[in-house]
């Protein structure tokens, strides 16, 4: 019994013809195929596979840089860094209401182009008046034409030359005054003006230069308190002309000079509207233009009232053209004086309080309803 039990306890050996390594080789091939498949999948996910080994390499070991947390925001590699992005255009600064109001109440270099255009027009006009003596419309011939051409060319050069605002204003003031002064001497575009009354002619020139300039400055800088003081100073400069005109008007002689005196007094009195409040311009531009035209008309009527003014048509034409040249010259000098004042006082004029509101008048409270017996509310 013992040998039989021992034989049953021992496992039966396989026959010699059966291959013992086949199942193990099949298992290894299956394991290798599975490992190769896992290696292909892990290659895209950062898993390293060595041969047929099933050792899995962690992403931290396969990546040369430390893994970052999911909350860290980093731009993808395909996007360009912020420093290489195209810079955005700076938006244009909008024009504030306060800046627009400041430019309206106290502009910088006002009427620059208008004054330049007027200077060019006056220069061409002076040159055109110089051609009239050459054709016999005005007396004097070549001698009278030369000063007109000279003043016209200089005035035109002052308009076309690129100079500063202040320098052009000084040039316009000097050229306008010089044209009138040369005209008192009997030459130039305004030759023969105020030949019988030189004192009145100087007073007229002073009034025709200062009053329009002060009125224009008052219109462009209406919120500036100093503009009214300048207008008061202009009236003081025009006072000699007013006195001489009133004295001539007191005679009430039936001649053209009397009518011209009436016109001069009216236009000078109209300039008083410049003392109105700061909420209005006082129509300073138009009143100043009216002063120039009125004083020019007064000069023409005064010179035409001289004996022999209508003896020939050349005399009457020359007298009228001289008065027109005087008006153009005083307009030139008035614009030049205005530009000088604007250049000098524009900084002071801009020191104003834009938020200072005009106090409103107290409104009347509504009357309480009446409770008398005569009420028809019942």
Protein backbone atom coordinates (compact mmCIF):
# COMPACT_ATOMS: atom_id res chain seq x y z
CA UNK A 1 0.00 0.00 0.00
CA UNK A 2 2.84 2.39 0.72
CA UNK A 3 4.32 2.28 -2.75
CA UNK A 4 0.87 2.83 -4.29
CA UNK A 5 0.15 5.87 -2.16
CA UNK A 6 3.52 7.37 -2.95
CA UNK A 7 2.85 6.92 -6.66
CA UNK A 8 -0.48 8.74 -6.44
CA UNK A 9 1.07 11.63 -4.47
CA UNK A 10 3.68 12.40 -7.15
CA UNK A 11 2.43 14.22 -10.30
CA UNK A 12 2.51 12.43 -13.52
CA UNK A 13 5.35 13.48 -15.76
CA UNK A 14 4.61 14.58 -19.28
CA UNK A 15 5.67 12.39 -22.08
CA UNK A 16 9.04 13.04 -23.58
CA UNK A 17 7.58 13.82 -27.03
CA UNK A 18 5.41 16.77 -25.81
CA UNK A 19 7.13 20.22 -26.11
CA UNK A 20 7.36 21.77 -22.67
CA UNK A 21 8.30 25.42 -23.73
CA UNK A 22 5.43 26.06 -26.18
CA UNK A 23 2.88 27.40 -23.70
CA UNK A 24 5.50 29.72 -22.16
CA UNK A 25 6.58 31.04 -25.57
CA UNK A 26 2.98 31.72 -26.54
CA UNK A 27 2.51 33.62 -23.31
CA UNK A 28 5.61 35.70 -23.93
CA UNK A 29 4.49 36.51 -27.51
CA UNK A 30 1.08 37.57 -26.26
CA UNK A 31 2.65 39.67 -23.55
CA UNK A 32 5.00 41.27 -26.10
CA UNK A 33 2.15 42.13 -28.48
CA UNK A 34 0.18 43.66 -25.66
CA UNK A 35 3.19 45.62 -24.51
CA UNK A 36 3.84 46.84 -28.06
CA UNK A 37 0.24 47.99 -28.38
CA UNK A 38 0.47 49.79 -25.07
CA UNK A 39 3.77 51.33 -26.16
CA UNK A 40 2.19 52.76 -29.33
CA UNK A 41 -0.64 54.30 -27.30
CA UNK A 42 1.69 55.55 -24.63
CA UNK A 43 4.04 57.17 -27.13
CA UNK A 44 1.47 59.88 -27.84
CA UNK A 45 0.65 60.33 -24.15
CA UNK A 46 4.22 60.69 -22.93
CA UNK A 47 4.63 57.03 -21.77
CA UNK A 48 8.02 55.43 -22.49
CA UNK A 49 8.17 51.74 -23.38
CA UNK A 50 11.44 49.87 -23.64
CA UNK A 51 11.34 46.82 -25.95
CA UNK A 52 8.75 44.44 -24.68
CA UNK A 53 9.11 45.56 -21.11
CA UNK A 54 5.85 46.68 -19.48
CA UNK A 55 7.51 49.25 -17.31
CA UNK A 56 5.57 52.48 -17.66
CA UNK A 57 7.44 55.78 -17.36
CA UNK A 58 5.45 58.57 -15.68
CA UNK A 59 4.88 61.88 -17.54
CA UNK A 60 6.96 63.68 -14.92
CA UNK A 61 9.95 61.47 -15.76
CA UNK A 62 9.46 61.71 -19.54
CA UNK A 63 9.05 65.51 -19.59
CA UNK A 64 12.29 67.46 -19.07
CA UNK A 65 10.36 70.35 -17.43
CA UNK A 66 8.34 70.10 -14.28
CA UNK A 67 4.64 69.63 -14.76
CA UNK A 68 2.56 72.75 -14.19
CA UNK A 69 -0.77 72.91 -12.52
CA UNK A 70 -3.95 73.12 -14.50
CA UNK A 71 -4.73 76.55 -13.10
CA UNK A 72 -1.62 78.16 -14.62
CA UNK A 73 -2.59 80.10 -17.75
CA UNK A 74 0.14 79.94 -20.36
CA UNK A 75 -0.31 80.81 -24.02
CA UNK A 76 -0.23 77.89 -26.43
CA UNK A 77 2.95 77.47 -28.39
CA UNK A 78 1.13 78.27 -31.63
CA UNK A 79 0.19 81.77 -30.42
CA UNK A 80 2.69 84.62 -30.57
CA UNK A 81 3.71 86.25 -27.29
CA UNK A 82 2.09 89.53 -26.30
CA UNK A 83 5.27 91.49 -26.98
CA UNK A 84 5.16 90.45 -30.64
CA UNK A 85 1.52 91.42 -31.16
CA UNK A 86 0.72 94.41 -33.39
CA UNK A 87 0.51 97.55 -31.27
CA UNK A 88 -2.90 99.09 -31.09
CA UNK A 89 -3.43 102.59 -32.42
CA UNK A 90 -3.78 105.28 -29.80
CA UNK A 91 -7.32 106.67 -29.91
CA UNK A 92 -7.67 110.31 -30.82
CA UNK A 93 -8.35 112.50 -27.83
CA UNK A 94 -11.91 113.78 -28.06
CA UNK A 95 -12.56 117.50 -28.06
CA UNK A 96 -14.03 118.40 -24.70
CA UNK A 97 -16.84 120.88 -24.35
CA UNK A 98 -14.69 123.05 -22.09
CA UNK A 99 -11.94 123.22 -24.74
CA UNK A 100 -14.43 124.20 -27.43
CA UNK A 101 -15.89 126.86 -25.15
CA UNK A 102 -12.43 128.18 -24.34
CA UNK A 103 -11.56 128.41 -28.04
CA UNK A 104 -14.79 130.30 -28.62
CA UNK A 105 -14.31 132.75 -25.74
CA UNK A 106 -10.55 133.23 -25.99
CA UNK A 107 -9.12 131.93 -29.29
CA UNK A 108 -5.43 131.71 -30.09
CA UNK A 109 -4.33 133.69 -33.15
CA UNK A 110 -7.85 134.56 -34.36
CA UNK A 111 -8.56 135.77 -37.91
CA UNK A 112 -5.15 134.64 -39.09
CA UNK A 113 -6.20 133.56 -42.58
CA UNK A 114 -8.73 136.39 -42.98
CA UNK A 115 -6.10 139.02 -42.19
CA UNK A 116 -3.67 137.38 -44.58
CA UNK A 117 -6.26 137.38 -47.36
CA UNK A 118 -7.11 141.03 -46.71
CA UNK A 119 -3.42 141.93 -46.79
CA UNK A 120 -3.02 140.23 -50.17
CA UNK A 121 -6.13 141.94 -51.56
CA UNK A 122 -4.94 145.36 -50.39
CA UNK A 123 -1.51 144.78 -51.94
CA UNK A 124 -3.07 143.93 -55.29
CA UNK A 125 -5.35 146.95 -55.02
CA UNK A 126 -2.46 149.31 -54.34
CA UNK A 127 -0.61 147.93 -57.35
CA UNK A 128 -3.74 148.39 -59.47
CA UNK A 129 -4.05 152.01 -58.36
CA UNK A 130 -0.45 152.50 -59.45
CA UNK A 131 -1.40 151.56 -63.00
CA UNK A 132 -4.07 154.29 -63.22
CA UNK A 133 -1.65 157.25 -63.52
CA UNK A 134 0.06 155.48 -66.41
CA UNK A 135 -3.18 155.42 -68.40
CA UNK A 136 -4.25 158.96 -67.47
CA UNK A 137 -7.07 158.16 -65.05
CA UNK A 138 -5.19 159.78 -62.16
CA UNK A 139 -2.71 162.64 -62.45
CA UNK A 140 1.00 162.28 -61.82
CA UNK A 141 2.18 159.80 -64.42
CA UNK A 142 5.18 157.64 -63.58
CA UNK A 143 6.09 159.67 -60.50
CA UNK A 144 2.70 158.94 -58.91
CA UNK A 145 2.72 155.29 -60.00
CA UNK A 146 6.05 154.36 -58.40
CA UNK A 147 4.96 154.73 -54.71
CA UNK A 148 1.81 152.75 -55.43
CA UNK A 149 3.77 149.88 -56.95
CA UNK A 150 6.25 149.93 -54.09
CA UNK A 151 3.63 149.88 -51.33
CA UNK A 152 1.59 147.27 -53.20
CA UNK A 153 4.53 144.90 -53.64
CA UNK A 154 5.61 145.19 -50.00
CA UNK A 155 2.05 144.61 -48.79
CA UNK A 156 1.66 141.59 -51.05
CA UNK A 157 4.98 140.20 -49.83
CA UNK A 158 3.80 140.60 -46.22
CA UNK A 159 0.75 138.50 -47.08
CA UNK A 160 2.57 135.73 -48.95
CA UNK A 161 5.64 135.43 -46.72
CA UNK A 162 5.45 132.77 -44.01
CA UNK A 163 6.00 134.82 -40.88
CA UNK A 164 4.64 134.62 -37.37
CA UNK A 165 1.28 135.98 -36.31
CA UNK A 166 2.84 138.86 -34.40
CA UNK A 167 5.26 139.85 -37.15
CA UNK A 168 2.54 139.99 -39.79
CA UNK A 169 0.42 142.12 -37.45
CA UNK A 170 3.26 144.61 -37.00
CA UNK A 171 3.86 144.73 -40.75
CA UNK A 172 0.18 145.34 -41.48
CA UNK A 173 -0.03 148.13 -38.90
CA UNK A 174 3.07 149.88 -40.24
CA UNK A 175 2.06 149.55 -43.90
CA UNK A 176 -1.45 150.87 -43.28
CA UNK A 177 -0.26 153.86 -41.30
CA UNK A 178 2.50 154.56 -43.81
CA UNK A 179 0.07 154.54 -46.73
CA UNK A 180 -2.17 157.09 -45.01
CA UNK A 181 0.75 159.32 -43.99
CA UNK A 182 2.18 159.27 -47.51
CA UNK A 183 -1.27 160.17 -48.79
CA UNK A 184 -1.31 163.26 -46.58
CA UNK A 185 1.82 164.34 -48.43
CA UNK A 186 0.14 163.95 -51.82
CA UNK A 187 1.59 160.66 -53.09
CA UNK A 188 0.85 156.97 -53.00
CA UNK A 189 -2.48 155.17 -53.37
CA UNK A 190 -4.26 157.65 -51.04
CA UNK A 191 -2.71 160.77 -52.56
CA UNK A 192 -4.50 164.03 -51.81
CA UNK A 193 -6.59 163.03 -48.79
CA UNK A 194 -7.37 165.74 -46.20
CA UNK A 195 -5.39 168.35 -48.10
CA UNK A 196 -7.25 171.29 -46.52
CA UNK A 197 -7.54 169.86 -42.97
CA UNK A 198 -4.38 167.98 -41.97
CA UNK A 199 -5.22 168.02 -38.25
CA UNK A 200 -8.61 166.44 -38.91
CA UNK A 201 -6.90 163.95 -41.19
CA UNK A 202 -4.54 162.75 -38.43
CA UNK A 203 -7.42 162.51 -35.96
CA UNK A 204 -9.45 160.53 -38.51
CA UNK A 205 -6.56 158.13 -39.08
CA UNK A 206 -6.21 157.51 -35.35
CA UNK A 207 -9.93 156.88 -34.92
CA UNK A 208 -10.19 154.64 -38.00
CA UNK A 209 -7.35 152.45 -36.71
CA UNK A 210 -8.09 152.10 -32.99
CA UNK A 211 -11.90 151.83 -32.93
CA UNK A 212 -12.28 148.90 -35.40
CA UNK A 213 -9.37 147.05 -33.79
CA UNK A 214 -10.87 147.41 -30.30
CA UNK A 215 -14.33 146.39 -31.52
CA UNK A 216 -12.95 143.29 -33.22
CA UNK A 217 -10.97 142.37 -30.10
CA UNK A 218 -14.08 142.88 -27.98
CA UNK A 219 -16.07 140.57 -30.27
CA UNK A 220 -13.50 137.74 -30.20
CA UNK A 221 -12.70 137.98 -26.46
CA UNK A 222 -16.11 138.89 -25.09
CA UNK A 223 -15.56 137.20 -21.70
CA UNK A 224 -12.33 139.13 -21.09
CA UNK A 225 -12.90 142.18 -18.89
CA UNK A 226 -9.86 143.93 -20.35
CA UNK A 227 -11.52 144.07 -23.78
CA UNK A 228 -13.90 146.77 -22.55
CA UNK A 229 -11.01 148.78 -21.15
CA UNK A 230 -9.34 148.60 -24.56
CA UNK A 231 -12.55 149.82 -26.16
CA UNK A 232 -12.65 152.71 -23.70
CA UNK A 233 -9.06 153.59 -24.65
CA UNK A 234 -10.03 153.50 -28.33
CA UNK A 235 -12.82 155.98 -27.66
CA UNK A 236 -10.30 158.27 -25.98
CA UNK A 237 -8.13 158.05 -29.10
CA UNK A 238 -11.16 158.87 -31.25
CA UNK A 239 -12.23 161.78 -29.05
CA UNK A 240 -10.20 164.44 -30.96
CA UNK A 241 -11.84 163.40 -34.22
CA UNK A 242 -15.29 163.52 -32.63
CA UNK A 243 -14.68 167.00 -31.23
CA UNK A 244 -13.43 168.37 -34.56
CA UNK A 245 -16.32 166.78 -36.41
CA UNK A 246 -18.89 168.24 -34.01
CA UNK A 247 -17.36 171.69 -34.36
CA UNK A 248 -17.60 171.45 -38.14
CA UNK A 249 -21.12 170.13 -37.87
CA UNK A 250 -22.21 173.07 -35.71
CA UNK A 251 -21.89 175.44 -38.67
CA UNK A 252 -24.62 173.52 -40.55
CA UNK A 253 -23.28 174.65 -43.88
CA UNK A 254 -25.13 173.20 -46.89
CA UNK A 255 -22.31 171.14 -48.33
CA UNK A 256 -21.20 167.54 -48.61
CA UNK A 257 -18.87 167.87 -45.62
CA UNK A 258 -21.86 168.36 -43.32
CA UNK A 259 -23.46 165.15 -44.52
CA UNK A 260 -20.16 163.36 -44.01
CA UNK A 261 -19.96 164.67 -40.45
CA UNK A 262 -23.40 163.24 -39.69
CA UNK A 263 -22.30 159.85 -41.01
CA UNK A 264 -19.12 159.91 -38.90
CA UNK A 265 -20.96 160.79 -35.69
CA UNK A 266 -23.50 158.01 -36.25
CA UNK A 267 -20.94 155.27 -36.83
CA UNK A 268 -18.81 156.34 -33.86
CA UNK A 269 -21.89 156.37 -31.61
CA UNK A 270 -22.82 152.89 -32.87
CA UNK A 271 -19.52 151.60 -31.49
CA UNK A 272 -20.93 152.06 -27.97
CA UNK A 273 -22.67 148.69 -28.31
CA UNK A 274 -19.30 147.15 -27.52
CA UNK A 275 -19.89 147.88 -23.84
CA UNK A 276 -22.70 145.33 -23.65
CA UNK A 277 -22.47 142.23 -21.45
CA UNK A 278 -20.14 139.29 -21.96
CA UNK A 279 -22.97 137.05 -23.16
CA UNK A 280 -22.93 138.83 -26.53
CA UNK A 281 -20.24 139.90 -28.98
CA UNK A 282 -21.86 143.28 -29.43
CA UNK A 283 -21.68 142.73 -33.20
CA UNK A 284 -18.16 144.08 -32.95
CA UNK A 285 -17.02 142.72 -36.30
CA UNK A 286 -19.84 144.36 -38.24
CA UNK A 287 -19.76 147.59 -36.25
CA UNK A 288 -16.01 147.86 -36.82
CA UNK A 289 -16.53 147.37 -40.55
CA UNK A 290 -19.22 150.05 -40.41
CA UNK A 291 -16.81 152.45 -38.70
CA UNK A 292 -14.27 151.93 -41.50
CA UNK A 293 -16.86 152.49 -44.22
CA UNK A 294 -18.39 155.47 -42.42
CA UNK A 295 -15.12 157.29 -41.87
CA UNK A 296 -14.06 156.57 -45.45
CA UNK A 297 -17.35 158.00 -46.72
CA UNK A 298 -16.89 161.06 -44.48
CA UNK A 299 -13.44 161.62 -45.96
CA UNK A 300 -14.73 161.30 -49.52
CA UNK A 301 -17.58 163.75 -48.91
CA UNK A 302 -15.27 166.17 -47.14
CA UNK A 303 -12.72 166.17 -49.99
CA UNK A 304 -15.39 166.39 -52.67
CA UNK A 305 -16.74 169.56 -51.02
CA UNK A 306 -13.50 171.41 -51.80
CA UNK A 307 -13.60 174.02 -54.54
CA UNK A 308 -12.65 172.58 -57.92
CA UNK A 309 -13.21 168.96 -56.92
CA UNK A 310 -15.60 168.49 -59.84
CA UNK A 311 -13.70 170.67 -62.30
CA UNK A 312 -12.65 167.58 -64.27
CA UNK A 313 -13.70 163.98 -64.08
CA UNK A 314 -10.10 163.00 -63.29
CA UNK A 315 -10.19 165.13 -60.13
CA UNK A 316 -13.43 163.60 -58.89
CA UNK A 317 -12.26 160.08 -59.72
CA UNK A 318 -8.89 160.61 -58.06
CA UNK A 319 -10.51 162.01 -54.89
CA UNK A 320 -12.92 159.08 -54.63
CA UNK A 321 -10.19 156.49 -55.24
CA UNK A 322 -7.98 158.15 -52.63
CA UNK A 323 -10.77 157.83 -50.05
CA UNK A 324 -11.20 154.16 -50.98
CA UNK A 325 -7.44 153.62 -50.58
CA UNK A 326 -7.62 155.33 -47.18
CA UNK A 327 -10.36 152.93 -46.07
CA UNK A 328 -8.32 149.93 -47.25
CA UNK A 329 -5.18 151.21 -45.53
CA UNK A 330 -6.94 151.88 -42.21
CA UNK A 331 -8.57 148.45 -42.40
CA UNK A 332 -5.10 146.97 -42.86
CA UNK A 333 -3.69 148.88 -39.90
CA UNK A 334 -6.73 148.01 -37.73
CA UNK A 335 -6.31 144.29 -38.43
CA UNK A 336 -2.61 144.57 -37.65
CA UNK A 337 -3.33 146.28 -34.33
CA UNK A 338 -5.91 143.60 -33.53
CA UNK A 339 -3.39 140.84 -34.16
CA UNK A 340 -0.85 142.53 -31.89
CA UNK A 341 -3.44 142.83 -29.11
CA UNK A 342 -4.51 139.20 -29.56
CA UNK A 343 -0.91 138.00 -29.43
CA UNK A 344 -0.19 140.03 -26.31
CA UNK A 345 -3.38 139.47 -24.31
CA UNK A 346 -4.67 136.05 -25.38
CA UNK A 347 -2.96 134.30 -22.45
CA UNK A 348 -4.59 136.65 -19.96
CA UNK A 349 -7.93 136.29 -21.71
CA UNK A 350 -7.80 132.49 -21.30
CA UNK A 351 -7.57 132.76 -17.52
CA UNK A 352 -11.31 132.75 -17.09
CA UNK A 353 -13.59 130.55 -15.03
CA UNK A 354 -15.68 128.51 -17.42
CA UNK A 355 -17.79 127.13 -14.58
CA UNK A 356 -18.87 130.52 -13.29
CA UNK A 357 -22.54 130.49 -14.04
CA UNK A 358 -24.55 133.64 -14.46
CA UNK A 359 -26.86 133.97 -11.46
CA UNK A 360 -30.43 133.41 -12.48
CA UNK A 361 -33.18 135.72 -11.41
CA UNK A 362 -35.30 134.30 -8.61
CA UNK A 363 -38.50 132.90 -9.93
CA UNK A 364 -41.77 134.09 -8.48
CA UNK A 365 -43.47 131.56 -6.30
CA UNK A 366 -46.89 130.51 -7.51
CA UNK A 367 -49.71 132.17 -5.61
CA UNK A 368 -51.54 129.87 -3.19
CA UNK A 369 -55.06 128.91 -4.19
CA UNK A 370 -57.70 131.25 -2.84
CA UNK A 371 -60.38 129.99 -0.52
CA UNK A 372 -62.76 132.90 -0.78
CA UNK A 373 -66.44 132.47 -1.32
CA UNK A 374 -66.14 133.97 -4.78
CA UNK A 375 -64.13 131.01 -6.03
CA UNK A 376 -65.79 129.15 -8.87
CA UNK A 377 -64.01 125.88 -8.08
CA UNK A 378 -67.19 124.55 -6.57
